[in-house]
Amino acid sequence: MTKCYNATYVKNSGEKREMNFVRFSDLPESFLSGRIKGESPPKTLGEGREVVWDIDKSGFRIFNWNTIVGEAREGMTEVVE
């Protein structure tokens, strides 16, 4: 099982977005090895922004902790596919 989160944040457009996600640091190495290509350094994100795995969209997204609405709720999920 892997720790996951559910939270809502405000996008740059002003629209609210609810997301179910796993933080990059919580993703298993076996999961990342099939999805990360090359050895290039990670892009620098602004403060409060974090790369996460969006469980519902099955892809990497940026979560903006600076514009979170309420609090993130923690849960557990099977390792995402």
Protein backbone atom coordinates (compact mmCIF):
# COMPACT_ATOMS: atom_id res chain seq x y z
CA MET A 1 0.00 0.00 0.00
CA THR A 2 1.09 3.54 -0.74
CA LYS A 3 0.14 6.76 1.03
CA CYS A 4 -2.17 8.94 -1.05
CA TYR A 5 -3.87 12.30 -0.64
CA ASN A 6 -7.10 14.00 -1.65
CA ALA A 7 -7.03 17.78 -1.81
CA THR A 8 -8.47 20.73 -3.67
CA TYR A 9 -6.39 23.64 -4.94
CA VAL A 10 -6.96 26.68 -7.13
CA LYS A 11 -5.41 26.47 -10.60
CA ASN A 12 -3.74 29.45 -12.32
CA SER A 13 -7.01 29.99 -14.21
CA GLY A 14 -8.85 30.50 -10.90
CA GLU A 15 -10.70 27.20 -11.26
CA LYS A 16 -10.77 24.82 -8.29
CA ARG A 17 -9.41 21.33 -8.91
CA GLU A 18 -9.84 18.32 -6.66
CA MET A 19 -7.10 15.74 -7.02
CA ASN A 20 -6.38 12.26 -5.68
CA PHE A 21 -2.63 11.86 -5.78
CA VAL A 22 0.53 10.20 -4.54
CA ARG A 23 3.49 12.40 -3.75
CA PHE A 24 6.54 11.70 -5.90
CA SER A 25 8.63 10.83 -2.84
CA ASP A 26 6.08 8.14 -1.86
CA LEU A 27 6.09 6.38 -5.24
CA PRO A 28 7.90 3.01 -5.30
CA GLU A 29 11.12 2.81 -7.32
CA SER A 30 9.61 -0.03 -9.37
CA PHE A 31 6.76 2.28 -10.38
CA LEU A 32 9.06 5.15 -11.34
CA SER A 33 11.55 3.06 -13.32
CA GLY A 34 9.00 2.39 -16.07
CA ARG A 35 7.86 6.01 -16.28
CA ILE A 36 10.96 8.19 -15.92
CA LYS A 37 13.02 8.48 -19.09
CA GLY A 38 16.63 9.60 -19.22
CA GLU A 39 18.86 11.04 -16.56
CA SER A 40 18.04 14.72 -17.03
CA PRO A 41 17.77 16.75 -13.83
CA PRO A 42 14.24 17.54 -12.64
CA LYS A 43 12.76 20.89 -13.63
CA THR A 44 12.80 23.56 -10.96
CA LEU A 45 9.31 24.37 -9.72
CA GLY A 46 8.20 27.46 -7.88
CA GLU A 47 7.94 27.30 -4.10
CA GLY A 48 4.90 25.33 -2.97
CA ARG A 49 4.54 23.41 -6.24
CA GLU A 50 5.16 19.67 -6.31
CA VAL A 51 5.19 16.92 -8.93
CA VAL A 52 2.63 14.25 -7.97
CA TRP A 53 1.04 11.19 -9.58
CA ASP A 54 -2.62 11.94 -10.31
CA ILE A 55 -4.41 8.66 -9.53
CA ASP A 56 -7.54 9.50 -11.53
CA LYS A 57 -5.72 10.80 -14.64
CA SER A 58 -2.89 8.22 -14.45
CA GLY A 59 -0.23 10.81 -15.06
CA PHE A 60 2.19 13.22 -13.46
CA ARG A 61 0.74 16.62 -12.55
CA ILE A 62 1.79 19.67 -10.56
CA PHE A 63 0.01 20.26 -7.25
CA ASN A 64 0.07 23.82 -5.90
CA TRP A 65 0.24 23.75 -2.10
CA ASN A 66 0.13 27.56 -2.04
CA THR A 67 -3.50 27.63 -3.15
CA ILE A 68 -4.86 24.59 -1.29
CA VAL A 69 -8.50 24.87 -0.19
CA GLY A 70 -8.92 23.34 3.26
CA GLU A 71 -6.58 20.51 4.16
CA ALA A 72 -5.21 17.48 2.35
CA ARG A 73 -6.78 14.21 3.51
CA GLU A 74 -4.49 11.20 3.75
CA GLY A 75 -5.38 7.66 2.80
CA MET A 76 -3.84 4.50 1.42
CA THR A 77 -4.03 3.07 -2.08
CA GLU A 78 -2.72 0.07 -3.93
CA VAL A 79 0.39 0.93 -5.89
CA VAL A 80 -0.82 2.71 -8.99
CA GLU A 81 -0.42 1.03 -12.35
